[in-house]
Amino acid sequence: IFVDPGHGGVENGAIGPTRTAEKDINLAISRYLMKYLEDEGANVIISRIDDHQVGLYDRVKNAKDKNALISVSIHNNALPIGKDPYKQHGTEVHYYNDNAKLLAEIIQKDMVENLNFKDNGIHKSSFALNRSTNPVSVLVECAYMINPEEYTRLRNPIVQKQIAKSIKNGIKKYIIAIQD
């Protein structure tokens, strides 16, 4: 399983109200996810273990070169200018290829049920990190960095662990589902 903490190095991603960068929260969640997956016996590859920049297409190439079966890119959402952060918030999962739709649905369902974030659903979106058909690839937007309540929760290591556990549970349920 390939775990990709989004952004890194000079690429901060979204910046929260107290200046915490998305890249740091993505990395924390991804490290927990890696540990939980390894505890389940999974072979895990992570695109970065510290704050350095990894090229977008290097991430995709690394997942393919390491023969990952599943790729999960971890992100937290920004907000388009003019949108209300009290109305537009929540969790969502992006997939592009039909072979990843079930994985997106299962992860999304587990996150909504266990984290009490608003359900923004799954979306067919063409991002470099989820266009691959091999490995099966999704991009998870855990919550919104600009929503004050979600941002406060995202900065909490307990919530970061809960997010990682929900994603791990979703991956595990997906693997069971495709084996049946």
Protein backbone atom coordinates (compact mmCIF):
# COMPACT_ATOMS: atom_id res chain seq x y z
CA ILE A 1 0.00 0.00 0.00
CA PHE A 2 1.40 3.37 -1.03
CA VAL A 3 0.68 6.22 1.39
CA ASP A 4 1.27 9.73 0.11
CA PRO A 5 1.27 12.67 2.54
CA GLY A 6 0.33 15.54 0.23
CA HIS A 7 2.61 18.53 -0.31
CA GLY A 8 5.91 18.93 1.59
CA GLY A 9 9.02 21.09 1.50
CA VAL A 10 8.22 24.46 -0.07
CA GLU A 11 4.73 23.23 -0.99
CA ASN A 12 2.70 24.06 2.12
CA GLY A 13 -0.73 23.24 0.78
CA ALA A 14 -3.57 25.03 2.56
CA ILE A 15 -2.73 27.19 5.57
CA GLY A 16 -5.01 27.16 8.61
CA PRO A 17 -6.16 30.17 10.68
CA THR A 18 -3.17 29.92 13.06
CA ARG A 19 -0.70 29.28 10.22
CA THR A 20 -0.33 25.50 10.53
CA ALA A 21 0.44 24.13 7.07
CA GLU A 22 -1.57 21.34 5.49
CA LYS A 23 1.67 19.51 4.64
CA ASP A 24 2.37 18.99 8.36
CA ILE A 25 -1.08 17.63 9.16
CA ASN A 26 -0.99 15.39 6.08
CA LEU A 27 2.35 13.97 7.23
CA ALA A 28 1.14 13.32 10.77
CA ILE A 29 -1.99 11.49 9.56
CA SER A 30 0.06 9.53 7.03
CA ARG A 31 2.59 8.39 9.63
CA TYR A 32 -0.23 7.07 11.82
CA LEU A 33 -1.83 5.42 8.79
CA MET A 34 1.45 3.75 7.88
CA LYS A 35 1.82 2.37 11.42
CA TYR A 36 -1.77 1.10 11.58
CA LEU A 37 -1.46 -0.60 8.18
CA GLU A 38 1.85 -2.20 9.15
CA ASP A 39 0.27 -3.39 12.41
CA GLU A 40 -2.29 -5.20 10.21
CA GLY A 41 0.56 -6.88 8.29
CA ALA A 42 0.53 -4.63 5.22
CA ASN A 43 3.67 -3.78 3.29
CA VAL A 44 3.62 0.03 3.23
CA ILE A 45 5.57 2.49 1.12
CA ILE A 46 5.37 6.16 2.05
CA SER A 47 6.31 8.97 -0.33
CA ARG A 48 7.94 11.07 2.40
CA ILE A 49 8.67 10.54 6.08
CA ASP A 50 9.70 14.11 6.79
CA ASP A 51 9.17 17.63 5.46
CA HIS A 52 10.76 17.54 2.05
CA GLN A 53 9.42 18.08 -1.41
CA VAL A 54 8.59 15.13 -3.64
CA GLY A 55 7.61 15.77 -7.23
CA LEU A 56 4.03 15.03 -8.15
CA TYR A 57 4.90 12.55 -10.88
CA ASP A 58 7.72 11.09 -8.76
CA ARG A 59 5.03 10.09 -6.26
CA VAL A 60 3.03 8.30 -8.95
CA LYS A 61 6.16 6.64 -10.38
CA ASN A 62 7.28 5.49 -6.93
CA ALA A 63 3.93 3.78 -6.29
CA LYS A 64 4.12 1.99 -9.64
CA ASP A 65 7.82 1.09 -9.33
CA LYS A 66 7.22 -0.43 -5.88
CA ASN A 67 4.29 -2.47 -7.26
CA ALA A 68 1.76 -0.98 -4.85
CA LEU A 69 -1.72 -2.42 -5.17
CA ILE A 70 -3.41 0.56 -3.50
CA SER A 71 -2.38 4.22 -3.39
CA VAL A 72 -3.90 6.68 -0.92
CA SER A 73 -2.93 10.34 -1.07
CA ILE A 74 -3.72 12.25 2.15
CA HIS A 75 -4.78 15.89 1.93
CA ASN A 76 -6.87 18.51 3.71
CA ASN A 77 -9.01 20.89 1.74
CA ALA A 78 -8.61 24.56 1.01
CA LEU A 79 -11.51 26.83 0.22
CA PRO A 80 -12.11 28.75 -3.00
CA ILE A 81 -12.18 32.53 -2.62
CA GLY A 82 -15.65 33.79 -1.84
CA LYS A 83 -16.91 30.54 -0.32
CA ASP A 84 -18.23 30.43 3.24
CA PRO A 85 -16.08 28.15 5.47
CA TYR A 86 -19.08 27.59 7.74
CA LYS A 87 -21.11 26.17 4.85
CA GLN A 88 -18.48 24.39 2.75
CA HIS A 89 -16.61 21.89 4.90
CA GLY A 90 -16.39 18.17 5.56
CA THR A 91 -14.65 15.11 4.23
CA GLU A 92 -14.54 13.77 0.69
CA VAL A 93 -12.68 11.18 -1.37
CA HIS A 94 -11.65 11.60 -5.00
CA TYR A 95 -11.20 8.80 -7.51
CA TYR A 96 -10.80 8.86 -11.27
CA ASN A 97 -10.89 5.31 -12.58
CA ASP A 98 -13.87 3.05 -12.02
CA ASN A 99 -11.62 0.47 -10.35
CA ALA A 100 -11.10 2.94 -7.47
CA LYS A 101 -14.74 3.92 -6.93
CA LEU A 102 -15.45 1.15 -4.41
CA LEU A 103 -12.33 2.06 -2.40
CA ALA A 104 -13.43 5.72 -2.38
CA GLU A 105 -16.95 4.78 -1.24
CA ILE A 106 -15.74 2.55 1.58
CA ILE A 107 -13.17 5.03 2.92
CA GLN A 108 -15.69 7.87 2.73
CA LYS A 109 -18.35 5.87 4.56
CA ASP A 110 -15.99 4.88 7.35
CA MET A 111 -14.70 8.42 7.81
CA VAL A 112 -18.16 9.97 7.97
CA GLU A 113 -19.47 7.33 10.39
CA ASN A 114 -16.48 7.47 12.74
CA LEU A 115 -15.29 11.08 12.63
CA ASN A 116 -18.48 13.13 12.64
CA PHE A 117 -17.36 15.26 9.70
CA LYS A 118 -19.91 16.48 7.15
CA ASP A 119 -20.25 14.06 4.23
CA ASN A 120 -19.14 15.73 1.02
CA GLY A 121 -19.33 12.42 -0.83
CA ILE A 122 -17.02 10.91 -3.38
CA HIS A 123 -16.03 12.68 -6.57
CA LYS A 124 -14.72 11.55 -9.93
CA SER A 125 -11.79 13.96 -10.30
CA SER A 126 -8.73 13.93 -12.50
CA PHE A 127 -5.72 14.54 -10.25
CA ALA A 128 -2.26 13.20 -11.08
CA LEU A 129 -2.31 11.22 -7.84
CA ASN A 130 -5.53 9.36 -8.51
CA ARG A 131 -5.48 8.83 -12.30
CA SER A 132 -3.52 5.60 -12.05
CA THR A 133 -5.36 2.34 -12.71
CA ASN A 134 -2.47 0.38 -11.22
CA PRO A 135 -2.30 0.86 -8.29
CA VAL A 136 -5.93 1.52 -7.44
CA SER A 137 -5.67 5.18 -6.43
CA VAL A 138 -7.71 7.62 -4.35
CA LEU A 139 -7.10 11.06 -2.88
CA VAL A 140 -8.63 11.71 0.54
CA GLU A 141 -9.53 15.26 1.62
CA CYS A 142 -9.91 14.57 5.35
CA ALA A 143 -11.43 17.95 6.29
CA TYR A 144 -11.13 21.69 5.59
CA MET A 145 -8.11 23.60 6.86
CA ILE A 146 -10.04 26.89 6.71
CA ASN A 147 -13.07 25.77 8.73
CA PRO A 148 -12.24 26.77 12.33
CA GLU A 149 -13.87 23.73 13.96
CA GLU A 150 -12.38 21.21 11.55
CA TYR A 151 -8.98 22.92 11.66
CA THR A 152 -8.92 22.69 15.47
CA ARG A 153 -9.75 19.01 15.24
CA LEU A 154 -7.16 18.39 12.50
CA ARG A 155 -4.39 19.80 14.70
CA ASN A 156 -5.24 17.36 17.50
CA PRO A 157 -3.09 14.17 17.45
CA ILE A 158 -6.03 12.15 18.82
CA VAL A 159 -8.17 13.18 15.83
CA GLN A 160 -5.24 12.58 13.45
CA LYS A 161 -5.06 9.01 14.79
CA GLN A 162 -8.85 8.60 14.39
CA ILE A 163 -8.63 9.77 10.77
CA ALA A 164 -5.77 7.34 10.09
CA LYS A 165 -7.72 4.48 11.70
CA SER A 166 -10.79 5.26 9.58
CA ILE A 167 -8.73 5.25 6.38
CA LYS A 168 -7.01 2.01 7.46
CA ASN A 169 -10.41 0.46 8.24
CA GLY A 170 -11.68 1.53 4.82
CA ILE A 171 -8.69 -0.03 3.07
CA LYS A 172 -9.12 -3.24 5.05
CA LYS A 173 -12.86 -3.42 4.24
CA TYR A 174 -12.05 -2.77 0.57
CA ILE A 175 -9.52 -5.62 0.47
CA ILE A 176 -12.06 -7.97 2.07
CA ALA A 177 -14.76 -6.83 -0.38
CA ILE A 178 -12.67 -7.47 -3.49
CA GLN A 179 -11.67 -10.94 -2.24
CA ASP A 180 -15.31 -12.08 -1.91
